[in-house]
Amino acid sequence: MSEALRKVGEQQGAEGNGGASGDSRSAAAERRRPRRRPERRGARAALLPQLLAAAVERDPSATAVVEDDRSLTYAELDEASSRLARYLIGLGVGPEDVVALAIARSIQSVLATWAVARPMPPSCPSTRTIPPTGSST
């Protein structure tokens, strides 16, 4: 295995030098040099709730999700995910709580993802009050 990796490395080195044998130390230094990320100019990356809000504002009647013969518009997705988010808040789910989603890819999985990604209102409880699974209380 290491012999195969060595050969690939040698080939890559030769290709990087245009096939010519050059200063191997400078080529090695070039490979080790961290690459700079391109500078971002303009708008910052949007968060999921911002993306949905923008889509609802832009065209609430546009189709957001399609599954077989069912579909939801952005307005319907926004309303349904808001309802689910309020339900979770009612159960005691608050900021920084972990919410696991174990749902097959479907309209429901998209809806649940949007509901969990929504920002919590300031009045939301900050700790969970949901009893552990299997608890009788």
N, C-alpha and C. Protein backbone atom coordinates (compact mmCIF):
# COMPACT_ATOMS: atom_id res chain seq x y z
N MET A 1 0.82 -1.19 0.00
CA MET A 1 0.00 0.00 0.00
C MET A 1 0.87 1.26 0.00
N SER A 2 1.89 1.29 0.86
CA SER A 2 2.74 2.48 0.93
C SER A 2 3.51 2.68 -0.37
N GLU A 3 3.87 1.59 -1.06
CA GLU A 3 4.56 1.70 -2.34
C GLU A 3 3.64 2.36 -3.37
N ALA A 4 2.38 1.98 -3.36
CA ALA A 4 1.42 2.57 -4.30
C ALA A 4 1.25 4.06 -4.01
N LEU A 5 1.17 4.43 -2.73
CA LEU A 5 1.04 5.84 -2.37
C LEU A 5 2.29 6.62 -2.78
N ARG A 6 3.46 6.01 -2.61
CA ARG A 6 4.71 6.66 -3.00
C ARG A 6 4.71 6.96 -4.50
N LYS A 7 4.27 5.97 -5.29
CA LYS A 7 4.24 6.15 -6.74
C LYS A 7 3.28 7.26 -7.14
N VAL A 8 2.11 7.28 -6.52
CA VAL A 8 1.14 8.34 -6.81
C VAL A 8 1.73 9.69 -6.44
N GLY A 9 2.39 9.76 -5.29
CA GLY A 9 3.02 11.00 -4.86
C GLY A 9 4.09 11.47 -5.83
N GLU A 10 4.88 10.53 -6.33
CA GLU A 10 5.93 10.87 -7.29
C GLU A 10 5.32 11.39 -8.59
N GLN A 11 4.23 10.72 -9.03
CA GLN A 11 3.57 11.16 -10.26
C GLN A 11 2.99 12.56 -10.09
N GLN A 12 2.37 12.80 -8.96
CA GLN A 12 1.78 14.12 -8.71
C GLN A 12 2.87 15.18 -8.67
N GLY A 13 4.00 14.85 -8.05
CA GLY A 13 5.10 15.80 -7.98
C GLY A 13 5.65 16.12 -9.35
N ALA A 14 5.79 15.10 -10.18
CA ALA A 14 6.31 15.31 -11.53
C ALA A 14 5.33 16.12 -12.36
N GLU A 15 4.03 15.85 -12.22
CA GLU A 15 3.03 16.59 -12.97
C GLU A 15 2.98 18.04 -12.51
N GLY A 16 3.17 18.27 -11.23
CA GLY A 16 3.15 19.62 -10.69
C GLY A 16 4.32 20.45 -11.18
N ASN A 17 5.42 19.82 -11.55
CA ASN A 17 6.59 20.53 -12.07
C ASN A 17 6.62 20.51 -13.59
N GLY A 18 5.50 20.16 -14.19
CA GLY A 18 5.46 20.10 -15.65
C GLY A 18 6.29 18.94 -16.18
N GLY A 19 6.57 17.93 -15.33
CA GLY A 19 7.33 16.77 -15.75
C GLY A 19 8.82 16.97 -15.61
N ALA A 20 9.25 18.17 -15.34
CA ALA A 20 10.68 18.43 -15.21
C ALA A 20 11.12 18.20 -13.79
N SER A 21 12.38 17.80 -13.64
CA SER A 21 12.88 17.61 -12.29
C SER A 21 13.38 18.95 -11.79
N GLY A 22 12.74 19.46 -10.76
CA GLY A 22 13.09 20.76 -10.21
C GLY A 22 13.56 20.59 -8.79
N ASP A 23 13.57 21.65 -8.04
CA ASP A 23 13.98 21.63 -6.64
C ASP A 23 12.89 20.94 -5.83
N SER A 24 13.15 19.72 -5.36
CA SER A 24 12.12 18.96 -4.64
C SER A 24 11.77 19.60 -3.32
N ARG A 25 12.72 20.34 -2.71
CA ARG A 25 12.41 21.00 -1.45
C ARG A 25 11.39 22.11 -1.64
N SER A 26 11.49 22.87 -2.69
CA SER A 26 10.52 23.95 -2.91
C SER A 26 9.16 23.37 -3.27
N ALA A 27 9.14 22.26 -4.00
CA ALA A 27 7.86 21.62 -4.32
C ALA A 27 7.21 21.09 -3.07
N ALA A 28 8.00 20.49 -2.18
CA ALA A 28 7.46 19.97 -0.93
C ALA A 28 6.95 21.11 -0.05
N ALA A 29 7.69 22.21 -0.02
CA ALA A 29 7.27 23.37 0.78
C ALA A 29 5.97 23.93 0.23
N GLU A 30 5.82 23.95 -1.08
CA GLU A 30 4.60 24.45 -1.71
C GLU A 30 3.40 23.58 -1.33
N ARG A 31 3.60 22.27 -1.29
CA ARG A 31 2.51 21.37 -0.92
C ARG A 31 2.11 21.53 0.53
N ARG A 32 3.08 21.88 1.40
CA ARG A 32 2.78 22.03 2.83
C ARG A 32 2.17 23.38 3.16
N ARG A 33 2.36 24.36 2.31
CA ARG A 33 1.86 25.70 2.58
C ARG A 33 0.33 25.68 2.62
N PRO A 34 -0.25 26.20 3.69
CA PRO A 34 -1.72 26.21 3.75
C PRO A 34 -2.29 27.09 2.64
N ARG A 35 -3.35 26.62 2.08
CA ARG A 35 -3.99 27.39 1.02
C ARG A 35 -4.91 28.42 1.65
N ARG A 36 -4.91 29.58 1.09
CA ARG A 36 -5.78 30.64 1.60
C ARG A 36 -7.17 30.47 1.03
N ARG A 37 -8.13 30.74 1.88
CA ARG A 37 -9.51 30.75 1.40
C ARG A 37 -9.72 32.02 0.59
N PRO A 38 -10.50 31.93 -0.46
CA PRO A 38 -10.78 33.15 -1.20
C PRO A 38 -11.58 34.10 -0.29
N GLU A 39 -11.28 35.37 -0.40
CA GLU A 39 -11.99 36.34 0.43
C GLU A 39 -13.43 36.44 -0.02
N ARG A 40 -14.31 36.45 0.97
CA ARG A 40 -15.73 36.62 0.67
C ARG A 40 -16.06 38.09 0.68
N ARG A 41 -16.69 38.49 -0.35
CA ARG A 41 -17.12 39.88 -0.43
C ARG A 41 -18.61 39.88 -0.63
N GLY A 42 -19.26 40.81 -0.01
CA GLY A 42 -20.70 40.90 -0.18
C GLY A 42 -21.42 40.21 0.96
N ALA A 43 -22.51 39.57 0.63
CA ALA A 43 -23.40 38.98 1.63
C ALA A 43 -22.77 37.78 2.32
N ARG A 44 -23.11 37.63 3.58
CA ARG A 44 -22.67 36.46 4.34
C ARG A 44 -23.63 35.31 4.06
N ALA A 45 -23.20 34.11 4.39
CA ALA A 45 -24.04 32.93 4.19
C ALA A 45 -25.30 33.05 5.05
N ALA A 46 -26.43 32.70 4.50
CA ALA A 46 -27.69 32.78 5.23
C ALA A 46 -27.92 31.51 6.04
N LEU A 47 -28.60 31.66 7.16
CA LEU A 47 -28.98 30.51 7.98
C LEU A 47 -30.30 29.95 7.45
N LEU A 48 -30.61 28.70 7.81
CA LEU A 48 -31.82 28.06 7.31
C LEU A 48 -33.08 28.91 7.54
N PRO A 49 -33.31 29.43 8.75
CA PRO A 49 -34.53 30.23 8.93
C PRO A 49 -34.58 31.46 8.02
N GLN A 50 -33.44 32.06 7.76
CA GLN A 50 -33.39 33.21 6.87
C GLN A 50 -33.71 32.81 5.43
N LEU A 51 -33.25 31.63 5.03
CA LEU A 51 -33.54 31.15 3.68
C LEU A 51 -35.04 30.93 3.48
N LEU A 52 -35.68 30.30 4.46
CA LEU A 52 -37.12 30.06 4.35
C LEU A 52 -37.89 31.37 4.36
N ALA A 53 -37.53 32.28 5.26
CA ALA A 53 -38.22 33.57 5.33
C ALA A 53 -38.09 34.32 4.01
N ALA A 54 -36.91 34.29 3.40
CA ALA A 54 -36.69 34.97 2.13
C ALA A 54 -37.53 34.33 1.02
N ALA A 55 -37.61 33.01 1.01
CA ALA A 55 -38.40 32.32 -0.02
C ALA A 55 -39.89 32.60 0.15
N VAL A 56 -40.35 32.62 1.40
CA VAL A 56 -41.77 32.92 1.66
C VAL A 56 -42.09 34.34 1.21
N GLU A 57 -41.19 35.26 1.51
CA GLU A 57 -41.40 36.66 1.13
C GLU A 57 -41.37 36.83 -0.39
N ARG A 58 -40.44 36.14 -1.03
CA ARG A 58 -40.25 36.28 -2.49
C ARG A 58 -41.46 35.73 -3.25
N ASP A 59 -41.90 34.51 -2.91
CA ASP A 59 -43.03 33.90 -3.62
C ASP A 59 -43.66 32.82 -2.75
N PRO A 60 -44.59 33.20 -1.87
CA PRO A 60 -45.17 32.24 -0.94
C PRO A 60 -45.92 31.09 -1.61
N SER A 61 -46.39 31.30 -2.84
CA SER A 61 -47.16 30.25 -3.51
C SER A 61 -46.29 29.31 -4.35
N ALA A 62 -44.99 29.55 -4.38
CA ALA A 62 -44.09 28.68 -5.14
C ALA A 62 -43.94 27.34 -4.43
N THR A 63 -43.73 26.29 -5.19
CA THR A 63 -43.57 24.96 -4.62
C THR A 63 -42.22 24.85 -3.92
N ALA A 64 -42.27 24.41 -2.66
CA ALA A 64 -41.05 24.28 -1.86
C ALA A 64 -40.58 22.84 -1.79
N VAL A 65 -41.51 21.90 -1.63
CA VAL A 65 -41.17 20.50 -1.44
C VAL A 65 -42.16 19.64 -2.22
N VAL A 66 -41.63 18.59 -2.86
CA VAL A 66 -42.48 17.65 -3.60
C VAL A 66 -42.11 16.24 -3.18
N GLU A 67 -43.13 15.44 -2.91
CA GLU A 67 -42.93 14.03 -2.62
C GLU A 67 -44.07 13.26 -3.26
N ASP A 68 -43.73 12.42 -4.22
CA ASP A 68 -44.74 11.66 -4.96
C ASP A 68 -45.82 12.62 -5.49
N ASP A 69 -47.05 12.46 -5.02
CA ASP A 69 -48.13 13.32 -5.51
C ASP A 69 -48.47 14.45 -4.53
N ARG A 70 -47.68 14.60 -3.47
CA ARG A 70 -47.89 15.67 -2.49
C ARG A 70 -46.87 16.78 -2.71
N SER A 71 -47.27 17.98 -2.36
CA SER A 71 -46.33 19.10 -2.41
C SER A 71 -46.76 20.14 -1.39
N LEU A 72 -45.81 20.98 -0.99
CA LEU A 72 -46.07 22.10 -0.09
C LEU A 72 -45.51 23.35 -0.72
N THR A 73 -46.25 24.44 -0.60
CA THR A 73 -45.71 25.73 -1.02
C THR A 73 -44.82 26.25 0.10
N TYR A 74 -44.09 27.33 -0.17
CA TYR A 74 -43.26 27.92 0.87
C TYR A 74 -44.11 28.43 2.03
N ALA A 75 -45.28 28.98 1.73
CA ALA A 75 -46.17 29.47 2.79
C ALA A 75 -46.66 28.30 3.65
N GLU A 76 -47.03 27.19 3.01
CA GLU A 76 -47.49 26.01 3.76
C GLU A 76 -46.36 25.42 4.60
N LEU A 77 -45.16 25.35 4.04
CA LEU A 77 -44.01 24.84 4.77
C LEU A 77 -43.71 25.73 5.97
N ASP A 78 -43.78 27.04 5.77
CA ASP A 78 -43.54 27.99 6.86
C ASP A 78 -44.58 27.81 7.97
N GLU A 79 -45.85 27.72 7.60
CA GLU A 79 -46.92 27.57 8.60
C GLU A 79 -46.80 26.24 9.35
N ALA A 80 -46.60 25.16 8.63
CA ALA A 80 -46.52 23.83 9.26
C ALA A 80 -45.28 23.71 10.15
N SER A 81 -44.14 24.25 9.70
CA SER A 81 -42.94 24.17 10.53
C SER A 81 -43.06 25.07 11.76
N SER A 82 -43.78 26.17 11.64
CA SER A 82 -44.04 27.03 12.81
C SER A 82 -44.89 26.29 13.84
N ARG A 83 -45.92 25.58 13.36
CA ARG A 83 -46.78 24.79 14.27
C ARG A 83 -45.96 23.74 15.00
N LEU A 84 -45.11 23.03 14.26
CA LEU A 84 -44.29 21.99 14.88
C LEU A 84 -43.29 22.60 15.86
N ALA A 85 -42.71 23.73 15.52
CA ALA A 85 -41.77 24.41 16.43
C ALA A 85 -42.48 24.81 17.72
N ARG A 86 -43.69 25.36 17.61
CA ARG A 86 -44.46 25.73 18.81
C ARG A 86 -44.79 24.50 19.65
N TYR A 87 -45.09 23.39 19.00
CA TYR A 87 -45.35 22.14 19.72
C TYR A 87 -44.12 21.70 20.51
N LEU A 88 -42.96 21.76 19.87
CA LEU A 88 -41.72 21.38 20.56
C LEU A 88 -41.45 22.31 21.74
N ILE A 89 -41.67 23.59 21.55
CA ILE A 89 -41.50 24.55 22.64
C ILE A 89 -42.44 24.21 23.79
N GLY A 90 -43.67 23.84 23.44
CA GLY A 90 -44.65 23.44 24.46
C GLY A 90 -44.22 22.22 25.24
N LEU A 91 -43.43 21.36 24.62
CA LEU A 91 -42.91 20.18 25.31
C LEU A 91 -41.71 20.51 26.19
N GLY A 92 -41.21 21.75 26.06
CA GLY A 92 -40.08 22.16 26.89
C GLY A 92 -38.75 22.22 26.16
N VAL A 93 -38.76 22.00 24.86
CA VAL A 93 -37.53 22.08 24.09
C VAL A 93 -37.13 23.56 24.02
N GLY A 94 -35.90 23.83 24.35
CA GLY A 94 -35.43 25.21 24.35
C GLY A 94 -34.14 25.39 23.59
N PRO A 95 -33.62 26.61 23.62
CA PRO A 95 -32.36 26.89 22.93
C PRO A 95 -31.25 25.95 23.42
N GLU A 96 -30.40 25.56 22.52
CA GLU A 96 -29.26 24.69 22.81
C GLU A 96 -29.64 23.25 23.13
N ASP A 97 -30.92 22.91 23.13
CA ASP A 97 -31.33 21.51 23.31
C ASP A 97 -31.07 20.75 22.01
N VAL A 98 -30.71 19.51 22.14
CA VAL A 98 -30.49 18.66 20.98
C VAL A 98 -31.81 17.99 20.61
N VAL A 99 -32.15 18.08 19.35
CA VAL A 99 -33.36 17.42 18.85
C VAL A 99 -32.93 16.48 17.74
N ALA A 100 -33.09 15.20 17.96
CA ALA A 100 -32.71 14.19 16.97
C ALA A 100 -33.88 13.95 16.02
N LEU A 101 -33.59 13.89 14.74
CA LEU A 101 -34.60 13.61 13.73
C LEU A 101 -34.28 12.27 13.09
N ALA A 102 -35.14 11.31 13.26
CA ALA A 102 -34.95 9.99 12.66
C ALA A 102 -36.14 9.73 11.75
N ILE A 103 -36.14 10.42 10.64
CA ILE A 103 -37.26 10.38 9.70
C ILE A 103 -36.68 10.12 8.31
N ALA A 104 -37.29 9.20 7.59
CA ALA A 104 -36.85 8.94 6.22
C ALA A 104 -37.06 10.21 5.38
N ARG A 105 -36.29 10.34 4.33
CA ARG A 105 -36.40 11.52 3.47
C ARG A 105 -37.83 11.63 2.96
N SER A 106 -38.46 12.74 3.31
CA SER A 106 -39.86 12.94 2.97
C SER A 106 -40.23 14.39 3.22
N ILE A 107 -41.48 14.73 2.94
CA ILE A 107 -41.96 16.07 3.26
C ILE A 107 -41.85 16.29 4.77
N GLN A 108 -42.18 15.26 5.56
CA GLN A 108 -42.10 15.39 7.01
C GLN A 108 -40.68 15.66 7.49
N SER A 109 -39.68 15.06 6.84
CA SER A 109 -38.31 15.30 7.27
C SER A 109 -37.88 16.74 6.99
N VAL A 110 -38.31 17.28 5.86
CA VAL A 110 -38.00 18.67 5.54
C VAL A 110 -38.70 19.60 6.52
N LEU A 111 -39.96 19.30 6.79
CA LEU A 111 -40.75 20.09 7.73
C LEU A 111 -40.11 20.07 9.12
N ALA A 112 -39.71 18.91 9.59
CA ALA A 112 -39.09 18.78 10.91
C ALA A 112 -37.76 19.53 10.97
N THR A 113 -36.97 19.44 9.90
CA THR A 113 -35.69 20.15 9.86
C THR A 113 -35.91 21.66 9.98
N TRP A 114 -36.88 22.18 9.23
CA TRP A 114 -37.17 23.62 9.31
C TRP A 114 -37.67 24.00 10.69
N ALA A 115 -38.50 23.15 11.30
CA ALA A 115 -39.05 23.46 12.63
C ALA A 115 -37.94 23.53 13.67
N VAL A 116 -37.00 22.61 13.61
CA VAL A 116 -35.91 22.56 14.59
C VAL A 116 -34.92 23.71 14.36
N ALA A 117 -34.77 24.12 13.12
CA ALA A 117 -33.80 25.18 12.79
C ALA A 117 -34.32 26.58 13.12
N ARG A 118 -35.61 26.71 13.36
CA ARG A 118 -36.17 28.03 13.65
C ARG A 118 -35.57 28.63 14.91
N PRO A 119 -35.41 29.93 14.93
CA PRO A 119 -34.92 30.56 16.18
C PRO A 119 -35.99 30.49 17.26
N MET A 120 -35.56 30.31 18.49
CA MET A 120 -36.48 30.23 19.62
C MET A 120 -36.82 31.63 20.10
N PRO A 121 -38.07 31.88 20.44
CA PRO A 121 -38.43 33.19 20.98
C PRO A 121 -37.81 33.37 22.37
N PRO A 122 -37.58 34.62 22.80
CA PRO A 122 -36.97 34.87 24.10
C PRO A 122 -37.73 34.25 25.27
N SER A 123 -39.03 34.08 25.12
CA SER A 123 -39.84 33.53 26.22
C SER A 123 -39.74 32.02 26.33
N CYS A 124 -39.01 31.39 25.41
CA CYS A 124 -38.90 29.93 25.38
C CYS A 124 -38.11 29.44 26.59
N PRO A 125 -38.53 28.30 27.18
CA PRO A 125 -37.77 27.77 28.31
C PRO A 125 -36.35 27.38 27.88
N SER A 126 -35.41 27.57 28.79
CA SER A 126 -34.03 27.29 28.43
C SER A 126 -33.59 25.89 28.82
N THR A 127 -34.42 25.14 29.50
CA THR A 127 -34.06 23.77 29.84
C THR A 127 -35.21 22.85 29.46
N ARG A 128 -34.88 21.61 29.28
CA ARG A 128 -35.90 20.63 28.90
C ARG A 128 -36.72 20.22 30.11
N THR A 129 -37.99 20.03 29.92
CA THR A 129 -38.85 19.51 30.97
C THR A 129 -39.49 18.19 30.53
N ILE A 130 -39.00 17.65 29.42
CA ILE A 130 -39.53 16.40 28.91
C ILE A 130 -38.94 15.26 29.74
N PRO A 131 -39.79 14.35 30.29
CA PRO A 131 -39.22 13.23 31.06
C PRO A 131 -38.45 12.31 30.13
N PRO A 132 -37.44 11.61 30.66
CA PRO A 132 -36.66 10.67 29.82
C PRO A 132 -37.56 9.60 29.21
N THR A 133 -37.16 9.09 28.07
CA THR A 133 -37.92 8.03 27.41
C THR A 133 -38.06 6.84 28.34
N GLY A 134 -39.27 6.29 28.39
CA GLY A 134 -39.50 5.12 29.23
C GLY A 134 -39.86 5.49 30.66
N SER A 135 -39.87 6.77 30.98
CA SER A 135 -40.20 7.21 32.33
C SER A 135 -41.71 7.13 32.51
N SER A 136 -42.14 6.81 33.71
CA SER A 136 -43.56 6.72 33.98
C SER A 136 -44.15 8.04 34.40
N THR A 137 -43.31 9.08 34.54
CA THR A 137 -43.84 10.39 34.95
C THR A 137 -44.05 11.28 33.78
